[in-house]
C-alpha atoms as a PDB file:
ATOM      1  CA  UNK A   1      11.822  20.398 -65.845  1.00  0.00           C
ATOM      2  CA  UNK A   2      14.487  21.352 -68.294  1.00  0.00           C
ATOM      3  CA  UNK A   3      17.969  22.244 -66.937  1.00  0.00           C
ATOM      4  CA  UNK A   4      17.980  25.487 -68.937  1.00  0.00           C
ATOM      5  CA  UNK A   5      14.638  26.436 -67.376  1.00  0.00           C
ATOM      6  CA  UNK A   6      15.998  25.749 -63.894  1.00  0.00           C
ATOM      7  CA  UNK A   7      19.075  27.859 -64.631  1.00  0.00           C
ATOM      8  CA  UNK A   8      16.857  30.678 -65.877  1.00  0.00           C
ATOM      9  CA  UNK A   9      14.774  30.507 -62.681  1.00  0.00           C
ATOM     10  CA  UNK A  10      17.921  30.523 -60.535  1.00  0.00           C
ATOM     11  CA  UNK A  11      19.269  33.531 -62.455  1.00  0.00           C
ATOM     12  CA  UNK A  12      15.960  35.367 -62.096  1.00  0.00           C
ATOM     13  CA  UNK A  13      15.869  34.650 -58.369  1.00  0.00           C
ATOM     14  CA  UNK A  14      19.479  35.770 -57.950  1.00  0.00           C
ATOM     15  CA  UNK A  15      18.669  39.015 -59.756  1.00  0.00           C
ATOM     16  CA  UNK A  16      15.623  39.594 -57.537  1.00  0.00           C
ATOM     17  CA  UNK A  17      17.702  38.947 -54.405  1.00  0.00           C
ATOM     18  CA  UNK A  18      20.410  41.299 -55.621  1.00  0.00           C
ATOM     19  CA  UNK A  19      17.871  44.065 -56.251  1.00  0.00           C
ATOM     20  CA  UNK A  20      16.219  43.501 -52.864  1.00  0.00           C
ATOM     21  CA  UNK A  21      19.612  43.664 -51.138  1.00  0.00           C
ATOM     22  CA  UNK A  22      20.496  46.869 -52.962  1.00  0.00           C
ATOM     23  CA  UNK A  23      17.157  48.372 -51.916  1.00  0.00           C
ATOM     24  CA  UNK A  24      17.713  47.350 -48.290  1.00  0.00           C
ATOM     25  CA  UNK A  25      21.204  48.865 -48.341  1.00  0.00           C
ATOM     26  CA  UNK A  26      19.799  52.113 -49.793  1.00  0.00           C
ATOM     27  CA  UNK A  27      17.079  52.197 -47.137  1.00  0.00           C
ATOM     28  CA  UNK A  28      19.689  51.595 -44.437  1.00  0.00           C
ATOM     29  CA  UNK A  29      21.757  54.527 -45.696  1.00  0.00           C
ATOM     30  CA  UNK A  30      18.610  56.670 -45.540  1.00  0.00           C
ATOM     31  CA  UNK A  31      18.078  55.548 -41.940  1.00  0.00           C
ATOM     32  CA  UNK A  32      21.650  56.538 -41.118  1.00  0.00           C
ATOM     33  CA  UNK A  33      20.909  60.000 -42.495  1.00  0.00           C
ATOM     34  CA  UNK A  34      17.705  60.180 -40.445  1.00  0.00           C
ATOM     35  CA  UNK A  35      19.638  59.131 -37.350  1.00  0.00           C
ATOM     36  CA  UNK A  36      22.099  61.986 -37.787  1.00  0.00           C
ATOM     37  CA  UNK A  37      19.352  64.549 -38.374  1.00  0.00           C
ATOM     38  CA  UNK A  38      17.035  63.492 -35.542  1.00  0.00           C
ATOM     39  CA  UNK A  39      17.737  65.056 -32.145  1.00  0.00           C
ATOM     40  CA  UNK A  40      15.121  63.033 -30.198  1.00  0.00           C
ATOM     41  CA  UNK A  41      16.897  60.341 -28.143  1.00  0.00           C
ATOM     42  CA  UNK A  42      13.995  57.882 -28.273  1.00  0.00           C
ATOM     43  CA  UNK A  43      13.758  58.157 -32.061  1.00  0.00           C
ATOM     44  CA  UNK A  44      17.519  57.817 -32.437  1.00  0.00           C
ATOM     45  CA  UNK A  45      17.386  54.630 -30.358  1.00  0.00           C
ATOM     46  CA  UNK A  46      14.697  53.079 -32.541  1.00  0.00           C
ATOM     47  CA  UNK A  47      16.474  54.108 -35.728  1.00  0.00           C
ATOM     48  CA  UNK A  48      19.797  52.690 -34.476  1.00  0.00           C
ATOM     49  CA  UNK A  49      18.122  49.362 -33.671  1.00  0.00           C
ATOM     50  CA  UNK A  50      16.575  49.201 -37.157  1.00  0.00           C
ATOM     51  CA  UNK A  51      19.918  50.025 -38.788  1.00  0.00           C
ATOM     52  CA  UNK A  52      21.605  47.233 -36.810  1.00  0.00           C
ATOM     53  CA  UNK A  53      18.898  44.744 -37.841  1.00  0.00           C
ATOM     54  CA  UNK A  54      19.171  45.737 -41.497  1.00  0.00           C
ATOM     55  CA  UNK A  55      22.938  45.368 -41.429  1.00  0.00           C
ATOM     56  CA  UNK A  56      22.619  41.900 -39.870  1.00  0.00           C
ATOM     57  CA  UNK A  57      20.283  40.874 -42.693  1.00  0.00           C
ATOM     58  CA  UNK A  58      22.669  42.272 -45.296  1.00  0.00           C
ATOM     59  CA  UNK A  59      25.546  40.379 -43.692  1.00  0.00           C
ATOM     60  CA  UNK A  60      23.675  37.104 -44.265  1.00  0.00           C
ATOM     61  CA  UNK A  61      23.110  37.619 -48.006  1.00  0.00           C
ATOM     62  CA  UNK A  62      25.171  35.742 -50.575  1.00  0.00           C
ATOM     63  CA  UNK A  63      24.723  38.441 -53.199  1.00  0.00           C
ATOM     64  CA  UNK A  64      27.535  40.461 -51.567  1.00  0.00           C
ATOM     65  CA  UNK A  65      31.225  39.603 -51.514  1.00  0.00           C
ATOM     66  CA  UNK A  66      32.695  38.078 -48.376  1.00  0.00           C
ATOM     67  CA  UNK A  67      34.583  41.306 -47.672  1.00  0.00           C
ATOM     68  CA  UNK A  68      31.402  43.365 -47.977  1.00  0.00           C
ATOM     69  CA  UNK A  69      29.542  40.952 -45.718  1.00  0.00           C
ATOM     70  CA  UNK A  70      32.258  41.295 -43.077  1.00  0.00           C
ATOM     71  CA  UNK A  71      31.926  45.071 -43.262  1.00  0.00           C
ATOM     72  CA  UNK A  72      28.162  44.717 -42.747  1.00  0.00           C
ATOM     73  CA  UNK A  73      28.837  42.481 -39.742  1.00  0.00           C
ATOM     74  CA  UNK A  74      31.223  45.012 -38.190  1.00  0.00           C
ATOM     75  CA  UNK A  75      28.780  47.840 -38.828  1.00  0.00           C
ATOM     76  CA  UNK A  76      25.926  45.820 -37.313  1.00  0.00           C
ATOM     77  CA  UNK A  77      27.989  45.310 -34.161  1.00  0.00           C
ATOM     78  CA  UNK A  78      28.782  49.025 -33.952  1.00  0.00           C
ATOM     79  CA  UNK A  79      25.158  50.057 -34.453  1.00  0.00           C
ATOM     80  CA  UNK A  80      23.994  47.497 -31.883  1.00  0.00           C
ATOM     81  CA  UNK A  81      26.487  48.916 -29.385  1.00  0.00           C
ATOM     82  CA  UNK A  82      25.322  52.427 -30.265  1.00  0.00           C
ATOM     83  CA  UNK A  83      21.675  51.423 -29.713  1.00  0.00           C
ATOM     84  CA  UNK A  84      22.577  49.805 -26.379  1.00  0.00           C
ATOM     85  CA  UNK A  85      24.333  52.991 -25.278  1.00  0.00           C
ATOM     86  CA  UNK A  86      21.348  55.098 -26.314  1.00  0.00           C
ATOM     87  CA  UNK A  87      19.010  52.734 -24.437  1.00  0.00           C
ATOM     88  CA  UNK A  88      21.060  53.121 -21.237  1.00  0.00           C
ATOM     89  CA  UNK A  89      21.105  56.901 -21.637  1.00  0.00           C
ATOM     90  CA  UNK A  90      17.367  56.989 -22.293  1.00  0.00           C
ATOM     91  CA  UNK A  91      16.717  54.761 -19.297  1.00  0.00           C
ATOM     92  CA  UNK A  92      18.838  56.984 -17.037  1.00  0.00           C
ATOM     93  CA  UNK A  93      17.182  60.170 -18.265  1.00  0.00           C
ATOM     94  CA  UNK A  94      13.770  58.744 -17.317  1.00  0.00           C
ATOM     95  CA  UNK A  95      14.824  57.668 -13.852  1.00  0.00           C
ATOM     96  CA  UNK A  96      15.015  53.997 -14.759  1.00  0.00           C
ATOM     97  CA  UNK A  97      11.696  53.920 -16.617  1.00  0.00           C
ATOM     98  CA  UNK A  98      12.894  54.301 -20.196  1.00  0.00           C
ATOM     99  CA  UNK A  99      12.032  52.590 -23.439  1.00  0.00           C
ATOM    100  CA  UNK A 100      13.135  49.235 -22.074  1.00  0.00           C
ATOM    101  CA  UNK A 101      10.163  49.140 -19.698  1.00  0.00           C
ATOM    102  CA  UNK A 102       7.155  50.417 -21.673  1.00  0.00           C
ATOM    103  CA  UNK A 103       4.617  48.557 -19.502  1.00  0.00           C
ATOM    104  CA  UNK A 104       5.747  50.420 -16.404  1.00  0.00           C
ATOM    105  CA  UNK A 105       5.714  53.749 -18.188  1.00  0.00           C
ATOM    106  CA  UNK A 106       2.085  53.235 -19.220  1.00  0.00           C
ATOM    107  CA  UNK A 107       0.888  52.499 -15.690  1.00  0.00           C
ATOM    108  CA  UNK A 108       2.100  55.798 -14.268  1.00  0.00           C
END
């Protein structure tokens, strides 16, 4: 293959990755809004976990600056801690049979 063709493919792929990352960031912001507007603890837990996962993915992408990636990493850690706290609260509110033990909840 021609070097110019390879460069064009690399540029096209970089553009696609950049657009996908921007879309994921936008979706993550929408999830943050949903988290704030949703009063149901179980839903908030699931949303917080998804936000943390999205932020971890964004942290790994080269299309962002190093500073931005570090911010994503810090946010991912905060949202993971938030999800863990919500999981403990949910578990306590269900007498130890919360979302972390769905098999037990189904057998009751």
